[in-house]
């Protein structure tokens, strides 16, 4: 499980959510921080000399930030590691996923700069650009004892990849009862036959992957 951190309160809440999920699913966590290409330079050519020191301090800060969450008895047995890499978040996450198996990307709904519309800019980008099952954790949200797993679909453009289905099945393991709620969303009234065929197709796809 990959957790994106920018040290914000929202990221901290996402980290707690990820720890709860990782404990239930017996998964490992990697906490990732993407360092903006110009971060630490401040457009001053002389500061480039000290950039490696800045990166080292950023890696240490991420390690300390992460340790503040895993010191409790509840999460001490969850394997957690940290990584800082230079680049835009999308590129850093994609690069990491190329060499590591990532079941989920977990992010807070807003970043350190606060709310921009409904969600933060990095969160919006992740939803539209990063091809990894992504959990967006609302502010102050905590993983419930009886989670309700819901798939929103219009039965037309929604396509589930093998990775998506695997992620759904993993989350369903902690659902009681182990069932998936399907929410049909449409801008206009849909032909009942389309809905029926869509339900049949979705059920068949998920059932096949679960066997």
Protein backbone atom coordinates (compact mmCIF):
# COMPACT_ATOMS: atom_id res chain seq x y z
CA UNK A 1 0.00 0.00 0.00
CA UNK A 2 1.39 3.37 -1.03
CA UNK A 3 0.58 6.44 1.09
CA UNK A 4 1.29 9.88 -0.37
CA UNK A 5 2.39 12.38 2.27
CA UNK A 6 2.96 16.13 2.15
CA UNK A 7 3.09 16.32 5.99
CA UNK A 8 -0.37 17.92 6.10
CA UNK A 9 -3.15 17.15 8.57
CA UNK A 10 -5.12 15.58 5.74
CA UNK A 11 -2.18 13.29 4.87
CA UNK A 12 -1.87 12.32 8.53
CA UNK A 13 -5.50 11.27 8.62
CA UNK A 14 -4.98 9.25 5.42
CA UNK A 15 -2.00 7.57 7.06
CA UNK A 16 -4.11 6.46 10.02
CA UNK A 17 -6.75 5.12 7.64
CA UNK A 18 -4.11 3.25 5.66
CA UNK A 19 -2.67 1.71 8.85
CA UNK A 20 -6.10 0.43 9.86
CA UNK A 21 -6.65 -1.06 6.41
CA UNK A 22 -3.15 -2.53 6.27
CA UNK A 23 -3.67 -4.20 9.64
CA UNK A 24 -6.93 -5.77 8.49
CA UNK A 25 -5.49 -6.93 5.15
CA UNK A 26 -2.02 -7.82 6.51
CA UNK A 27 -0.29 -5.54 4.02
CA UNK A 28 2.91 -3.50 4.00
CA UNK A 29 2.97 0.29 3.67
CA UNK A 30 5.35 2.59 1.84
CA UNK A 31 5.02 6.28 2.68
CA UNK A 32 6.07 8.42 -0.27
CA UNK A 33 6.88 12.11 -0.49
CA UNK A 34 7.34 13.74 -3.88
CA UNK A 35 9.81 16.64 -3.74
CA UNK A 36 8.94 19.27 -6.33
CA UNK A 37 11.82 19.74 -8.84
CA UNK A 38 12.40 23.35 -7.70
CA UNK A 39 11.70 22.77 -4.00
CA UNK A 40 14.59 23.83 -1.79
CA UNK A 41 16.23 25.89 -4.54
CA UNK A 42 14.01 28.97 -4.34
CA UNK A 43 15.22 30.12 -7.77
CA UNK A 44 18.64 30.91 -6.31
CA UNK A 45 21.53 29.31 -8.16
CA UNK A 46 23.68 29.35 -5.04
CA UNK A 47 21.21 27.19 -3.14
CA UNK A 48 21.79 24.35 -5.61
CA UNK A 49 25.05 23.63 -3.80
CA UNK A 50 23.10 22.70 -0.67
CA UNK A 51 20.28 20.77 -2.36
CA UNK A 52 21.54 17.32 -1.33
CA UNK A 53 21.54 18.44 2.28
CA UNK A 54 17.96 19.65 1.81
CA UNK A 55 16.94 16.27 0.38
CA UNK A 56 18.57 14.48 3.32
CA UNK A 57 16.66 16.64 5.79
CA UNK A 58 13.43 15.99 3.88
CA UNK A 59 14.01 12.20 4.05
CA UNK A 60 14.67 12.45 7.78
CA UNK A 61 11.53 14.55 8.30
CA UNK A 62 9.42 11.96 6.45
CA UNK A 63 10.90 9.16 8.56
CA UNK A 64 10.10 11.04 11.78
CA UNK A 65 6.61 11.92 10.53
CA UNK A 66 5.92 8.27 9.76
CA UNK A 67 7.30 7.00 13.06
CA UNK A 68 4.91 9.28 14.93
CA UNK A 69 2.05 7.13 13.62
CA UNK A 70 3.53 3.65 14.08
CA UNK A 71 4.72 3.98 17.66
CA UNK A 72 1.37 2.84 19.05
CA UNK A 73 0.87 -0.76 20.11
CA UNK A 74 -1.93 -1.14 17.57
CA UNK A 75 0.29 -0.59 14.52
CA UNK A 76 3.76 -1.66 15.67
CA UNK A 77 3.70 -4.96 13.73
CA UNK A 78 2.85 -3.37 10.35
CA UNK A 79 5.91 -3.21 8.04
CA UNK A 80 6.36 0.44 7.05
CA UNK A 81 9.09 2.13 5.01
CA UNK A 82 9.55 5.63 3.62
CA UNK A 83 10.85 7.04 0.36
CA UNK A 84 11.47 10.58 -0.92
CA UNK A 85 11.96 11.15 -4.62
CA UNK A 86 12.33 14.28 -6.73
CA UNK A 87 9.63 14.97 -9.28
CA UNK A 88 5.94 15.67 -9.71
CA UNK A 89 3.67 13.38 -7.71
CA UNK A 90 2.27 11.62 -10.75
CA UNK A 91 5.73 10.77 -12.08
CA UNK A 92 7.08 9.70 -8.70
CA UNK A 93 4.13 7.39 -8.01
CA UNK A 94 4.21 5.92 -11.52
CA UNK A 95 7.95 5.30 -11.31
CA UNK A 96 7.60 3.54 -7.96
CA UNK A 97 4.75 1.37 -9.25
CA UNK A 98 6.88 0.22 -12.19
CA UNK A 99 9.26 -1.60 -9.83
CA UNK A 100 6.97 -2.48 -6.92
CA UNK A 101 3.58 -4.13 -6.63
CA UNK A 102 1.12 -1.50 -5.43
CA UNK A 103 -2.41 -2.57 -4.47
CA UNK A 104 -3.63 0.87 -3.40
CA UNK A 105 -2.58 4.49 -3.39
CA UNK A 106 -3.96 6.27 -0.31
CA UNK A 107 -4.22 10.07 -0.21
CA UNK A 108 -5.88 12.76 1.87
CA UNK A 109 -8.61 14.73 0.15
CA UNK A 110 -6.65 17.99 0.39
CA UNK A 111 -2.98 18.86 0.66
CA UNK A 112 -0.85 21.26 2.65
CA UNK A 113 -2.20 24.25 0.70
CA UNK A 114 -5.76 23.55 1.81
CA UNK A 115 -8.98 23.11 -0.11
CA UNK A 116 -9.15 23.93 -3.80
CA UNK A 117 -12.76 23.35 -4.77
CA UNK A 118 -13.85 19.97 -3.39
CA UNK A 119 -10.49 18.21 -3.46
CA UNK A 120 -6.84 19.27 -3.61
CA UNK A 121 -5.03 19.63 -6.92
CA UNK A 122 -2.80 16.58 -6.36
CA UNK A 123 -5.82 14.49 -5.40
CA UNK A 124 -7.69 15.57 -8.53
CA UNK A 125 -4.66 14.68 -10.62
CA UNK A 126 -4.37 11.25 -8.99
CA UNK A 127 -7.99 10.43 -9.74
CA UNK A 128 -7.69 11.37 -13.41
CA UNK A 129 -4.10 10.44 -14.30
CA UNK A 130 -2.65 7.74 -12.03
CA UNK A 131 -3.66 4.23 -13.09
CA UNK A 132 -3.59 2.71 -9.61
CA UNK A 133 -6.65 1.98 -7.44
CA UNK A 134 -6.78 5.08 -5.25
CA UNK A 135 -8.45 5.64 -1.89
CA UNK A 136 -9.23 9.29 -1.17
CA UNK A 137 -9.68 9.77 2.57
CA UNK A 138 -11.97 12.67 3.60
CA UNK A 139 -10.91 14.97 6.42
CA UNK A 140 -11.38 13.36 9.86
CA UNK A 141 -12.63 10.14 8.26
CA UNK A 142 -11.75 6.89 10.05
CA UNK A 143 -12.09 3.32 8.88
CA UNK A 144 -15.38 2.02 10.34
CA UNK A 145 -15.73 -1.38 11.99
CA UNK A 146 -18.36 -2.29 9.39
CA UNK A 147 -17.30 -0.54 6.16
CA UNK A 148 -19.77 -0.18 3.28
CA UNK A 149 -17.98 -0.85 -0.01
CA UNK A 150 -19.65 0.93 -2.94
CA UNK A 151 -18.88 0.90 -6.66
CA UNK A 152 -20.25 3.96 -8.50
CA UNK A 153 -20.87 3.31 -12.19
CA UNK A 154 -22.85 4.52 -15.19
CA UNK A 155 -22.64 1.04 -16.80
CA UNK A 156 -21.19 2.69 -19.90
CA UNK A 157 -17.82 4.34 -19.41
CA UNK A 158 -16.85 2.60 -16.16
CA UNK A 159 -14.30 -0.10 -16.90
CA UNK A 160 -12.73 -2.30 -14.24
CA UNK A 161 -9.21 -3.53 -14.89
CA UNK A 162 -7.82 -6.68 -13.33
CA UNK A 163 -6.01 -4.46 -10.82
CA UNK A 164 -9.27 -2.65 -9.98
CA UNK A 165 -11.10 -5.92 -9.35
CA UNK A 166 -8.26 -7.23 -7.21
CA UNK A 167 -8.34 -4.05 -5.13
CA UNK A 168 -12.10 -4.32 -4.66
CA UNK A 169 -11.78 -7.92 -3.55
CA UNK A 170 -9.06 -7.02 -1.06
CA UNK A 171 -11.22 -4.32 0.49
CA UNK A 172 -14.23 -6.65 0.55
CA UNK A 173 -12.24 -8.94 2.84
CA UNK A 174 -12.78 -6.47 5.66
CA UNK A 175 -16.42 -5.82 4.83
CA UNK A 176 -19.12 -7.43 7.00
CA UNK A 177 -21.11 -8.80 5.33
CA UNK A 178 -18.72 -9.32 2.42
CA UNK A 179 -20.78 -7.64 -0.26
CA UNK A 180 -20.38 -4.85 -2.77
CA UNK A 181 -22.97 -2.11 -3.09
CA UNK A 182 -23.35 -0.85 -6.68
CA UNK A 183 -24.54 2.73 -7.19
CA UNK A 184 -25.78 3.57 -10.68
CA UNK A 185 -25.21 7.20 -11.66
CA UNK A 186 -26.67 8.77 -14.79
CA UNK A 187 -27.24 12.33 -15.96
CA UNK A 188 -30.52 11.28 -17.56
CA UNK A 189 -32.99 8.42 -17.32
CA UNK A 190 -31.45 5.15 -18.47
CA UNK A 191 -33.19 2.35 -20.32
CA UNK A 192 -33.95 -0.46 -17.82
CA UNK A 193 -32.44 -2.99 -20.23
CA UNK A 194 -29.13 -1.09 -20.17
CA UNK A 195 -29.13 -1.15 -16.37
CA UNK A 196 -29.99 -4.86 -16.27
CA UNK A 197 -27.27 -5.75 -18.78
CA UNK A 198 -24.79 -3.56 -16.92
CA UNK A 199 -25.59 -5.25 -13.61
CA UNK A 200 -25.18 -8.67 -15.18
CA UNK A 201 -21.86 -7.74 -16.76
CA UNK A 202 -20.49 -6.16 -13.56
CA UNK A 203 -21.58 -9.13 -11.46
CA UNK A 204 -20.00 -11.58 -13.89
CA UNK A 205 -16.72 -9.68 -14.06
CA UNK A 206 -16.29 -9.42 -10.30
CA UNK A 207 -17.45 -13.00 -9.67
CA UNK A 208 -14.99 -14.39 -12.19
CA UNK A 209 -12.08 -12.50 -10.63
CA UNK A 210 -13.05 -13.59 -7.10
CA UNK A 211 -12.79 -17.31 -7.90
